[in-house]
Amino acid sequence: MTFSVIAGTIWGNRGAEAMLETAVGRVRDRFPDSEFAVFSYYPKRDRSLVTDPAVRVHSCTPAYLVLVLFPLSLLAAPIARLAGSVPPPFPRSVRDLAASEALIDLAGVSFIDGREKFLPFNILTILPAILLGTPVFKLAQALGPFQKRLNRFAARILTRCALVVARGEVTLGHMKDVDFPADKLLEAPDVAFVFESRDSLSDEGAQEAAELASSIDELRARGTNVVGLCPSAVIAGKAAEEGWDYVGFLTRIVEGLRSSGCAVVLFPNATRASRPEKLRNNDLPVIASVADRADDAAPVATQTPVLAVRGDMSAANIREVVGRCSCVAVSRFHAMVGALAERVPVAVLGWSHKYVEVMRRFDMEQHVFDYADHDAEAFLGVIEGLLEEREAYADAIGAGLGPVQAASRRQFEELFGRLGH
């Protein structure tokens, strides 16, 4: 059996990596001999990283979608419906998509008012499969609102999906506002809640992660609290547009933690180490800037250390680091998910309702801080509150995690059931 997966990558955004690897892993749990066609917008890099012979990487760059996958799927559609398969000389990407049991769409966000420039991509990630008769399952993601006329019209294509999974109650409300068929709608938490290290398709950063993990273990053995800090290149860009210093804000957080005797680990949730000039899907430049400023403000030798991830690191290896921290403060959605999945108390510097939706499941919504306030002292207070009651918060996360993971797994059970498996 072949399954296609789209809108996730191995390299770059580590949240997208965790979702992709989770989808492959949970399908493999049910069908161990399955093969996978992964449609990636970093196809060359992902091919170089994936050695699993059952995983083939195809392109889903905008150019490939427009110039190859969509037109050739349109051309192949009558053949697929009449003959049951697509023959050569159609490219392997079209043949794999047509032969798949399902297309699993892992877009974190799609069909959202104000993001109309992404609508062609949102449509073209699922339209070829629909044309070829391959069932489309949009697993947990944020969609809507649909108040803008263009987005509301474009979203009609969603009714052609076999299942749409709302990642939270806000998305569920948006879907109900447009009378989306209830029998095709499910609410479930993000798929990355059921990620397991054995799902990893890449071992990027294994040595660096092991070294950081060893350093954290040594610090904590000496009684030093270690706070993980995950910045966001997205918020860095927003802050630049709004005229305030995000790197300076984070540096003040680091200084405050060190002055209270804590060590700090700066870790990413998006890495493109070979493109240090790029902020898209790349938190490493922000980490480097914060680490440099922190060292300039107070030499490492005089205070507790600031450790920093400097290179590409897989989702599994990032979780290896996070799981050893006393608590973490994050500006990335899947860094929050990863921390919660590791039962590590987490504070969030966020910019969307999506953080509150998840944290509310663990009765921790009070630890979500609006980035637009950029009040370093207030956010530092949130982190210090986590440290003071760290064990109680870890227990609360542990109590909430079982139900959240069970709810997340439900979307895979729903997928298998609708395929007759």
Protein backbone atom coordinates (compact mmCIF):
# COMPACT_ATOMS: atom_id res chain seq x y z
CA MET A 1 0.00 0.00 0.00
CA THR A 2 1.15 3.52 -0.81
CA PHE A 3 0.24 6.67 1.09
CA SER A 4 1.03 10.18 -0.09
CA VAL A 5 1.89 12.94 2.38
CA ILE A 6 2.00 16.64 1.50
CA ALA A 7 2.77 20.01 3.19
CA GLY A 8 5.45 18.59 5.48
CA THR A 9 9.23 18.55 5.11
CA ILE A 10 12.20 16.88 6.78
CA TRP A 11 14.54 19.86 6.57
CA GLY A 12 13.60 23.37 7.63
CA ASN A 13 10.53 23.66 9.83
CA ARG A 14 10.89 21.03 12.55
CA GLY A 15 7.21 21.19 13.39
CA ALA A 16 6.44 20.18 9.81
CA GLU A 17 9.06 17.44 10.16
CA ALA A 18 7.46 16.12 13.35
CA MET A 19 4.01 16.06 11.72
CA LEU A 20 5.30 14.30 8.61
CA GLU A 21 7.26 11.69 10.54
CA THR A 22 4.34 11.12 12.90
CA ALA A 23 1.98 10.51 9.98
CA VAL A 24 4.40 8.01 8.45
CA GLY A 25 4.96 6.37 11.83
CA ARG A 26 1.31 5.97 12.75
CA VAL A 27 0.43 4.58 9.32
CA ARG A 28 3.33 2.14 9.66
CA ASP A 29 1.99 1.01 13.01
CA ARG A 30 -1.14 -0.19 11.18
CA PHE A 31 0.49 -1.18 7.86
CA PRO A 32 4.19 -1.98 8.44
CA ASP A 33 4.96 -2.66 4.79
CA SER A 34 3.52 0.59 3.45
CA GLU A 35 5.40 2.84 1.06
CA PHE A 36 5.20 6.62 1.19
CA ALA A 37 5.31 9.37 -1.40
CA VAL A 38 6.33 12.54 0.41
CA PHE A 39 5.66 15.79 -1.45
CA SER A 40 8.12 18.34 -0.08
CA TYR A 41 8.87 21.98 -0.85
CA TYR A 42 12.54 21.22 -0.06
CA PRO A 43 12.74 18.10 -2.25
CA LYS A 44 16.48 18.07 -2.98
CA ARG A 45 17.49 18.52 0.64
CA ASP A 46 14.92 16.02 1.91
CA ARG A 47 16.08 13.39 -0.59
CA SER A 48 19.62 13.79 0.71
CA LEU A 49 18.45 13.22 4.30
CA VAL A 50 16.03 10.31 3.89
CA THR A 51 17.66 6.90 3.50
CA ASP A 52 14.50 4.86 4.15
CA PRO A 53 13.84 2.92 0.90
CA ALA A 54 10.09 2.95 1.54
CA VAL A 55 9.96 6.75 1.46
CA ARG A 56 10.17 8.52 -1.92
CA VAL A 57 10.46 12.30 -1.96
CA HIS A 58 8.75 14.30 -4.69
CA SER A 59 8.56 18.04 -5.19
CA CYS A 60 5.65 20.23 -4.18
CA THR A 61 7.31 23.57 -4.77
CA PRO A 62 4.88 26.14 -6.17
CA ALA A 63 6.53 25.88 -9.59
CA TYR A 64 6.23 22.07 -9.62
CA LEU A 65 2.60 22.19 -8.53
CA VAL A 66 1.68 24.69 -11.24
CA LEU A 67 3.82 23.40 -14.10
CA VAL A 68 3.89 19.64 -13.51
CA LEU A 69 1.72 18.05 -10.85
CA PHE A 70 -1.55 19.89 -11.51
CA PRO A 71 -1.59 19.85 -15.34
CA LEU A 72 -0.38 16.26 -15.62
CA SER A 73 -2.83 15.08 -12.94
CA LEU A 74 -5.58 16.79 -14.91
CA LEU A 75 -4.42 14.98 -18.03
CA ALA A 76 -4.05 11.64 -16.23
CA ALA A 77 -7.37 11.82 -14.39
CA PRO A 78 -9.53 10.11 -17.06
CA ILE A 79 -6.95 7.33 -17.39
CA ALA A 80 -6.80 6.81 -13.63
CA ARG A 81 -10.58 6.59 -13.35
CA LEU A 82 -11.01 4.24 -16.32
CA ALA A 83 -7.92 2.03 -15.98
CA GLY A 84 -7.42 2.26 -12.22
CA SER A 85 -3.81 3.40 -12.54
CA VAL A 86 -1.61 5.90 -14.32
CA PRO A 87 1.04 4.41 -16.62
CA PRO A 88 4.41 5.73 -17.75
CA PRO A 89 5.42 8.11 -19.27
CA PHE A 90 3.62 10.14 -16.59
CA PRO A 91 6.17 11.04 -13.89
CA ARG A 92 6.49 8.94 -10.76
CA SER A 93 4.99 11.73 -8.65
CA VAL A 94 1.68 11.58 -10.56
CA ARG A 95 1.69 7.78 -10.61
CA ASP A 96 2.36 7.57 -6.86
CA LEU A 97 -0.38 10.06 -6.08
CA ALA A 98 -2.88 8.18 -8.23
CA ALA A 99 -1.93 4.83 -6.69
CA SER A 100 -2.12 6.05 -3.09
CA GLU A 101 -4.71 4.87 -0.60
CA ALA A 102 -4.93 8.48 0.58
CA LEU A 103 -3.28 11.87 0.44
CA ILE A 104 -2.50 13.07 3.98
CA ASP A 105 -2.38 16.87 4.01
CA LEU A 106 -0.41 18.28 6.95
CA ALA A 107 -0.71 22.02 6.33
CA GLY A 108 -0.42 23.70 9.70
CA VAL A 109 -2.66 26.53 8.53
CA SER A 110 -4.69 26.88 5.35
CA PHE A 111 -7.61 28.80 3.83
CA ILE A 112 -7.32 31.70 6.26
CA ASP A 113 -8.63 35.24 5.73
CA GLY A 114 -5.75 37.64 5.24
CA ARG A 115 -3.53 34.96 3.71
CA GLU A 116 -5.09 35.05 0.25
CA LYS A 117 -1.67 34.94 -1.42
CA PHE A 118 -1.35 31.37 -0.16
CA LEU A 119 -4.73 30.24 -1.53
CA PRO A 120 -3.30 28.89 -4.82
CA PHE A 121 -0.87 26.74 -2.84
CA ASN A 122 -3.64 25.62 -0.44
CA ILE A 123 -5.76 24.57 -3.42
CA LEU A 124 -3.01 22.97 -5.49
CA THR A 125 -1.79 20.78 -2.63
CA ILE A 126 -5.08 18.87 -2.69
CA LEU A 127 -6.60 19.42 -6.15
CA PRO A 128 -4.36 16.93 -8.05
CA ALA A 129 -5.37 14.12 -5.66
CA ILE A 130 -9.04 15.03 -6.00
CA LEU A 131 -8.72 14.92 -9.79
CA LEU A 132 -7.03 11.52 -9.62
CA GLY A 133 -9.67 10.09 -7.27
CA THR A 134 -7.34 9.76 -4.28
CA PRO A 135 -9.12 10.49 -0.96
CA VAL A 136 -7.78 13.59 0.79
CA PHE A 137 -7.44 13.74 4.57
CA LYS A 138 -6.54 17.13 6.00
CA LEU A 139 -5.20 16.20 9.43
CA ALA A 140 -5.21 18.56 12.41
CA GLN A 141 -4.69 22.14 11.28
CA ALA A 142 -6.06 25.63 11.61
CA LEU A 143 -8.52 26.84 8.95
CA GLY A 144 -10.63 29.98 8.58
CA PRO A 145 -12.17 32.34 9.27
CA PHE A 146 -13.96 32.49 5.93
CA GLN A 147 -15.39 36.01 5.97
CA LYS A 148 -13.45 37.24 2.91
CA ARG A 149 -15.31 36.45 -0.29
CA LEU A 150 -12.31 34.99 -2.15
CA ASN A 151 -11.34 32.69 0.71
CA ARG A 152 -14.93 31.62 1.28
CA PHE A 153 -15.25 30.73 -2.41
CA ALA A 154 -11.89 28.89 -2.53
CA ALA A 155 -12.75 26.89 0.57
CA ARG A 156 -15.55 25.12 -1.30
CA ILE A 157 -12.92 22.65 -2.44
CA LEU A 158 -12.68 21.42 1.15
CA THR A 159 -16.02 19.67 0.77
CA ARG A 160 -14.28 17.32 -1.69
CA CYS A 161 -12.00 16.05 1.09
CA ALA A 162 -12.75 12.76 2.81
CA LEU A 163 -12.04 14.33 6.22
CA VAL A 164 -11.01 17.72 7.59
CA VAL A 165 -9.60 17.77 11.13
CA ALA A 166 -9.89 21.02 13.09
CA ARG A 167 -6.92 21.53 15.39
CA GLY A 168 -9.00 23.38 17.98
CA GLU A 169 -12.35 24.83 18.90
CA VAL A 170 -11.80 28.08 16.99
CA THR A 171 -11.21 26.26 13.70
CA LEU A 172 -14.15 23.99 14.47
CA GLY A 173 -16.31 27.09 14.84
CA HIS A 174 -15.06 28.51 11.56
CA MET A 175 -15.94 25.28 9.75
CA LYS A 176 -19.41 25.25 11.26
CA ASP A 177 -19.89 28.90 10.22
CA VAL A 178 -19.68 27.82 6.57
CA ASP A 179 -21.95 24.79 7.15
CA PHE A 180 -19.16 22.33 6.43
CA PRO A 181 -20.60 18.79 6.35
CA ALA A 182 -20.55 17.45 9.89
CA ASP A 183 -19.85 13.91 8.71
CA LYS A 184 -16.54 15.05 7.22
CA LEU A 185 -15.42 17.11 10.21
CA LEU A 186 -13.48 16.10 13.31
CA GLU A 187 -11.74 18.04 16.08
CA ALA A 188 -8.40 16.65 17.29
CA PRO A 189 -5.11 17.96 18.71
CA ASP A 190 -2.00 18.30 16.58
CA VAL A 191 -0.58 15.05 15.23
CA ALA A 192 2.86 15.86 16.71
CA PHE A 193 1.48 15.02 20.15
CA VAL A 194 1.88 11.36 19.18
CA PHE A 195 5.34 11.72 17.63
CA GLU A 196 7.83 9.10 18.78
CA SER A 197 11.60 9.23 18.39
CA ARG A 198 11.52 5.98 16.40
CA ASP A 199 9.50 7.82 13.74
CA SER A 200 12.47 10.01 12.80
CA LEU A 201 13.56 9.89 9.16
CA SER A 202 16.65 12.04 9.77
CA ASP A 203 19.46 12.07 12.33
CA GLU A 204 20.55 15.67 11.85
CA GLY A 205 22.35 17.18 14.80
CA ALA A 206 22.68 13.94 16.76
CA GLN A 207 26.16 14.71 18.05
CA GLU A 208 25.35 18.32 18.98
CA ALA A 209 22.17 17.16 20.75
CA ALA A 210 24.11 14.53 22.71
CA GLU A 211 26.68 17.11 23.80
CA LEU A 212 23.99 19.56 24.88
CA ALA A 213 22.08 16.84 26.70
CA SER A 214 25.25 15.87 28.60
CA SER A 215 25.89 19.51 29.56
CA ILE A 216 22.31 19.95 30.78
CA ASP A 217 22.51 16.75 32.81
CA GLU A 218 25.71 17.97 34.47
CA LEU A 219 24.20 21.36 35.31
CA ARG A 220 21.04 19.87 36.78
CA ALA A 221 23.05 17.32 38.76
CA ARG A 222 24.73 20.31 40.44
CA GLY A 223 21.32 21.75 41.30
CA THR A 224 21.23 24.38 38.55
CA ASN A 225 17.91 25.02 36.82
CA VAL A 226 18.23 24.95 33.03
CA VAL A 227 15.68 26.96 31.06
CA GLY A 228 15.20 26.22 27.37
CA LEU A 229 14.42 29.24 25.21
CA CYS A 230 13.07 28.77 21.68
CA PRO A 231 12.88 31.99 19.63
CA SER A 232 10.93 32.43 16.42
CA ALA A 233 12.15 33.89 13.17
CA VAL A 234 8.48 34.66 12.42
CA ILE A 235 8.16 36.91 15.47
CA ALA A 236 11.58 38.40 14.71
CA GLY A 237 10.18 39.48 11.34
CA LYS A 238 6.98 40.82 12.88
CA ALA A 239 8.93 42.77 15.48
CA ALA A 240 11.16 44.32 12.80
CA GLU A 241 8.07 45.47 10.89
CA GLU A 242 6.62 46.93 14.09
CA GLY A 243 9.83 48.67 15.06
CA TRP A 244 10.92 46.89 18.25
CA ASP A 245 13.94 44.79 19.17
CA TYR A 246 12.98 41.12 19.55
CA VAL A 247 16.59 39.99 19.97
CA GLY A 248 17.04 42.62 22.70
CA PHE A 249 13.86 41.39 24.39
CA LEU A 250 15.14 37.81 24.45
CA THR A 251 18.56 38.95 25.63
CA ARG A 252 16.94 40.64 28.62
CA ILE A 253 15.15 37.37 29.40
CA VAL A 254 18.48 35.52 29.27
CA GLU A 255 20.16 38.11 31.49
CA GLY A 256 17.34 37.91 34.02
CA LEU A 257 17.50 34.12 34.17
CA ARG A 258 21.27 34.07 34.56
CA SER A 259 21.18 36.67 37.31
CA SER A 260 18.85 34.36 39.26
CA GLY A 261 21.25 31.45 38.86
CA CYS A 262 19.66 29.64 35.90
CA ALA A 263 21.51 28.32 32.87
CA VAL A 264 19.91 28.86 29.46
CA VAL A 265 19.70 26.66 26.37
CA LEU A 266 18.76 28.41 23.13
CA PHE A 267 17.14 25.88 20.81
CA PRO A 268 15.31 26.19 17.46
CA ASN A 269 12.22 24.69 15.95
CA ALA A 270 13.22 25.60 12.40
CA THR A 271 16.73 25.25 10.99
CA ARG A 272 18.40 25.87 7.65
CA ALA A 273 22.03 26.06 8.71
CA SER A 274 23.30 26.33 5.13
CA ARG A 275 21.23 29.51 4.62
CA PRO A 276 22.28 31.74 7.54
CA GLU A 277 21.06 34.84 5.71
CA LYS A 278 17.50 33.49 5.52
CA LEU A 279 14.93 33.81 8.32
CA ARG A 280 12.21 31.77 6.63
CA ASN A 281 11.98 28.42 8.43
CA ASN A 282 15.24 29.26 10.19
CA ASP A 283 15.57 30.27 13.86
CA LEU A 284 19.36 29.83 13.92
CA PRO A 285 20.23 33.46 12.99
CA VAL A 286 18.06 34.72 15.87
CA ILE A 287 19.69 32.24 18.26
CA ALA A 288 23.17 33.35 17.18
CA SER A 289 22.29 37.01 17.72
CA VAL A 290 20.84 36.41 21.18
CA ALA A 291 23.83 34.28 22.23
CA ASP A 292 26.31 36.88 21.00
CA ARG A 293 24.54 39.73 22.81
CA ALA A 294 24.26 37.69 25.99
CA ASP A 295 27.99 36.95 25.92
CA ASP A 296 28.79 40.61 25.32
CA ALA A 297 26.59 41.65 28.25
CA ALA A 298 28.14 39.16 30.69
CA PRO A 299 31.01 36.79 29.81
CA VAL A 300 30.10 33.14 30.19
CA ALA A 301 32.93 32.60 32.66
CA THR A 302 31.36 34.93 35.20
CA GLN A 303 27.83 33.47 35.25
CA THR A 304 25.84 30.36 34.50
CA PRO A 305 26.31 29.35 30.86
CA VAL A 306 24.26 30.12 27.77
CA LEU A 307 24.22 27.03 25.56
CA ALA A 308 23.00 27.31 21.99
CA VAL A 309 22.11 25.02 19.11
CA ARG A 310 24.23 26.16 16.16
CA GLY A 311 23.41 23.68 13.39
CA ASP A 312 20.61 21.71 11.79
CA MET A 313 18.86 19.45 14.27
CA SER A 314 16.05 16.97 13.70
CA ALA A 315 12.76 17.09 15.58
CA ALA A 316 13.68 13.98 17.55
CA ASN A 317 17.04 15.40 18.61
CA ILE A 318 15.49 18.73 19.60
CA ARG A 319 13.09 16.85 21.85
CA GLU A 320 16.06 15.04 23.38
CA VAL A 321 17.40 18.43 24.46
CA VAL A 322 14.03 19.85 25.54
CA GLY A 323 13.17 16.83 27.66
CA ARG A 324 16.14 17.52 29.93
CA CYS A 325 15.29 21.17 30.68
CA SER A 326 13.75 22.33 33.96
CA CYS A 327 11.22 24.32 31.93
CA VAL A 328 11.09 26.05 28.55
CA ALA A 329 9.84 29.33 27.11
CA VAL A 330 8.93 29.18 23.44
CA SER A 331 7.72 31.29 20.54
CA ARG A 332 7.05 28.36 18.20
CA PHE A 333 3.82 26.32 18.15
CA HIS A 334 5.46 22.93 17.74
CA ALA A 335 8.14 23.77 20.29
CA MET A 336 5.23 24.15 22.71
CA VAL A 337 3.74 20.83 21.55
CA GLY A 338 7.11 19.11 21.91
CA ALA A 339 7.62 20.42 25.43
CA LEU A 340 4.15 19.33 26.53
CA ALA A 341 4.67 15.90 24.97
CA GLU A 342 7.89 15.61 27.00
CA ARG A 343 6.02 16.74 30.17
CA VAL A 344 8.20 19.84 30.48
CA PRO A 345 6.51 22.97 31.91
CA VAL A 346 6.27 25.61 29.19
CA ALA A 347 5.61 29.34 28.89
CA VAL A 348 4.61 30.73 25.51
CA LEU A 349 5.37 34.04 23.85
CA GLY A 350 2.78 33.77 21.08
CA TRP A 351 0.83 35.71 18.49
CA SER A 352 -2.28 33.63 17.81
CA HIS A 353 -5.23 31.91 19.50
CA LYS A 354 -3.68 28.58 18.52
CA TYR A 355 -1.37 28.58 21.55
CA VAL A 356 -4.15 29.24 24.06
CA GLU A 357 -6.29 26.47 22.53
CA VAL A 358 -3.61 23.89 23.25
CA MET A 359 -2.45 25.20 26.61
CA ARG A 360 -6.05 25.26 27.84
CA ARG A 361 -6.12 21.47 27.49
CA PHE A 362 -3.50 21.37 30.26
CA ASP A 363 -5.00 24.20 32.36
CA MET A 364 -1.95 26.31 31.52
CA GLU A 365 -3.44 29.06 29.37
CA GLN A 366 -2.32 31.64 31.94
CA HIS A 367 1.24 30.97 30.77
CA VAL A 368 0.59 32.27 27.25
CA PHE A 369 2.00 35.77 26.86
CA ASP A 370 1.17 38.09 23.93
CA TYR A 371 4.35 38.92 22.01
CA ALA A 372 2.94 42.35 21.10
CA ASP A 373 3.29 43.44 24.75
CA HIS A 374 7.06 42.79 24.57
CA ASP A 375 7.36 43.30 28.31
CA ALA A 376 10.50 41.36 29.25
CA GLU A 377 10.00 41.70 33.00
CA ALA A 378 6.44 40.37 32.81
CA PHE A 379 7.45 37.37 30.69
CA LEU A 380 10.40 36.69 32.96
CA GLY A 381 7.93 36.56 35.82
CA VAL A 382 5.89 33.93 33.97
CA ILE A 383 9.00 31.77 33.55
CA GLU A 384 10.03 32.19 37.18
CA GLY A 385 6.54 31.14 38.24
CA LEU A 386 6.97 27.91 36.27
CA LEU A 387 10.28 27.21 37.97
CA GLU A 388 8.85 27.77 41.44
CA GLU A 389 6.09 25.20 40.87
CA ARG A 390 7.87 23.07 38.28
CA GLU A 391 6.99 19.67 39.71
CA ALA A 392 3.31 20.54 40.12
CA TYR A 393 3.10 21.78 36.54
CA ALA A 394 4.92 18.70 35.24
CA ASP A 395 2.40 16.51 37.06
CA ALA A 396 -0.51 18.50 35.61
CA ILE A 397 0.90 18.16 32.11
CA GLY A 398 1.34 14.43 32.65
CA ALA A 399 -2.27 14.10 33.75
CA GLY A 400 -3.55 15.94 30.70
CA LEU A 401 -1.26 14.32 28.17
CA GLY A 402 -2.98 10.91 28.01
CA PRO A 403 -6.38 12.29 26.94
CA VAL A 404 -4.75 14.70 24.47
CA GLN A 405 -2.73 11.93 22.85
CA ALA A 406 -5.77 9.66 22.68
CA ALA A 407 -7.70 12.44 20.95
CA SER A 408 -4.82 13.00 18.53
CA ARG A 409 -4.66 9.30 17.65
CA ARG A 410 -8.35 9.36 16.87
CA GLN A 411 -7.74 11.16 13.57
CA PHE A 412 -5.60 8.25 12.37
CA GLU A 413 -8.24 5.76 13.45
CA GLU A 414 -10.79 7.83 11.56
CA LEU A 415 -8.57 7.81 8.48
CA PHE A 416 -8.14 4.03 8.58
CA GLY A 417 -11.83 3.50 9.19
CA ARG A 418 -12.89 5.66 6.26
CA LEU A 419 -10.51 3.75 4.01
CA GLY A 420 -12.13 0.49 5.13
CA HIS A 421 -9.11 -0.66 7.15
